[in-house]
Protein backbone atom coordinates (compact mmCIF):
# COMPACT_ATOMS: atom_id res chain seq x y z
CA MET A 1 -1.11 -10.34 -13.83
CA PHE A 2 -4.52 -10.68 -15.47
CA ILE A 3 -6.41 -8.17 -17.59
CA ARG A 4 -10.16 -8.34 -18.04
CA LEU A 5 -11.79 -6.60 -21.00
CA PHE A 6 -15.52 -5.88 -20.99
CA PHE A 7 -16.95 -4.70 -24.35
CA SER A 8 -20.37 -3.25 -25.13
CA ALA A 9 -22.11 -0.18 -26.54
CA VAL A 10 -24.63 2.43 -25.43
CA ASP A 11 -26.92 4.94 -27.03
CA PRO A 12 -25.09 8.29 -27.41
CA SER A 13 -27.68 9.94 -25.16
CA ASP A 14 -26.61 7.59 -22.32
CA SER A 15 -22.86 8.25 -22.59
CA ASP A 16 -22.72 10.83 -19.79
CA GLU A 17 -24.71 8.58 -17.46
CA VAL A 18 -22.40 5.62 -18.14
CA ARG A 19 -19.36 7.79 -17.38
CA ARG A 20 -20.93 9.00 -14.15
CA ILE A 21 -21.77 5.46 -13.01
CA PHE A 22 -18.27 4.30 -13.90
CA VAL A 23 -16.59 7.08 -11.88
CA GLU A 24 -18.98 7.03 -8.91
CA ASP A 25 -19.84 3.32 -8.63
CA VAL A 26 -17.89 0.87 -10.76
CA LYS A 27 -14.35 2.17 -10.32
CA PRO A 28 -14.53 2.54 -6.51
CA ALA A 29 -16.18 -0.90 -6.18
CA PHE A 30 -13.45 -2.62 -8.20
CA GLU A 31 -10.61 -0.75 -6.49
CA GLN A 32 -12.04 -1.55 -3.06
CA LEU A 33 -11.88 -5.25 -3.92
CA GLY A 34 -8.29 -5.52 -5.12
CA CYS A 35 -8.35 -4.28 -8.69
CA ARG A 36 -4.94 -2.79 -9.50
CA SER A 37 -6.35 -0.39 -12.09
CA ILE A 38 -9.51 0.10 -14.11
CA GLU A 39 -10.22 2.34 -17.11
CA LEU A 40 -13.18 3.14 -19.32
CA LEU A 41 -12.22 3.46 -22.98
CA VAL A 42 -14.75 5.05 -25.34
CA ASN A 43 -14.60 4.82 -29.12
CA VAL A 44 -14.39 8.32 -30.59
CA GLU A 45 -16.56 7.33 -33.55
CA PRO A 46 -20.05 5.81 -33.35
CA ASN A 47 -20.42 2.30 -34.75
CA ALA A 48 -22.49 1.50 -37.86
CA GLY A 49 -25.68 1.45 -35.76
CA GLY A 50 -24.95 4.86 -34.24
CA LEU A 51 -24.04 3.43 -30.84
CA VAL A 52 -21.02 4.44 -28.78
CA GLU A 53 -18.76 1.46 -28.11
CA GLY A 54 -16.81 1.15 -24.92
CA VAL A 55 -14.34 -1.13 -23.21
CA VAL A 56 -13.60 -1.40 -19.52
CA THR A 57 -10.10 -2.73 -18.82
CA SER A 58 -9.23 -3.93 -15.36
CA ARG A 59 -5.89 -5.27 -14.07
CA TRP A 60 -5.64 -7.90 -11.36
CA ALA A 61 -2.73 -9.48 -9.50
CA ASN A 62 -4.33 -12.91 -9.89
CA ARG A 63 -7.40 -14.56 -11.29
CA GLU A 64 -8.76 -15.49 -7.86
CA ASP A 65 -8.98 -11.84 -6.76
CA MET A 66 -10.75 -10.95 -9.98
CA GLU A 67 -13.29 -13.75 -9.69
CA LYS A 68 -13.93 -12.98 -6.02
CA ALA A 69 -14.57 -9.31 -6.84
CA LEU A 70 -16.90 -10.17 -9.73
CA ARG A 71 -18.96 -12.36 -7.38
CA SER A 72 -19.15 -9.66 -4.72
CA ARG A 73 -22.36 -7.82 -3.95
CA THR A 74 -20.62 -4.43 -4.27
CA VAL A 75 -19.49 -5.04 -7.85
CA ALA A 76 -22.72 -6.79 -8.83
CA GLU A 77 -24.81 -3.82 -7.68
CA SER A 78 -22.65 -1.34 -9.58
CA LEU A 79 -22.82 -3.41 -12.76
CA VAL A 80 -26.63 -3.68 -12.62
CA ARG A 81 -26.88 0.07 -13.14
CA VAL A 82 -24.53 -0.06 -16.14
CA ARG A 83 -26.13 -3.12 -17.73
CA GLN A 84 -29.50 -1.35 -17.91
CA LEU A 85 -27.96 1.11 -20.38
CA LEU A 86 -26.17 -1.38 -22.63
CA ARG A 87 -27.52 -1.80 -26.16
CA LEU A 88 -25.23 -4.66 -27.21
CA GLU A 89 -24.82 -7.94 -25.39
CA PRO A 90 -21.66 -7.47 -23.33
CA LEU A 91 -18.59 -9.53 -24.12
CA ALA A 92 -15.98 -10.16 -21.43
CA ARG A 93 -12.55 -11.68 -21.96
CA THR A 94 -9.72 -12.35 -19.53
CA PHE A 95 -6.06 -12.36 -20.58
CA GLU A 96 -2.94 -13.36 -18.70
CA VAL A 97 0.04 -11.03 -19.07
CA LEU A 98 3.07 -13.14 -19.89
CA GLU A 99 6.34 -11.78 -18.61
C-alpha cells in the first residue's frame, strides 16, 4: 500500500471553491483510476501568512497504479483547476505502508 500526500495552501476566499473542485472533479477522477481512498484535510487555523493549508491524502494498492493515474488526462485536467488557486508551491510525497 502506498500513500501520497499533497501539501499546499490557498487564500481563505478560495476555500469553498477548492472544496467544490475536490468533491466534483479530483475525488471522482482519482477513484475512477484505482485510488483506494482520497481525502482533503484542511488546517483549522490559518498559517502565519493568513493562508489556509491543506493536504490531500490518497491511498493506492501499488505505486504503478498511482503513477499511471497521475499521468492520466482525467487527473491532470482536474488538478489544473486546483493548481490555479494554490498560493504555495505544492509539495508531494509518497510513502509506503510497511506491514
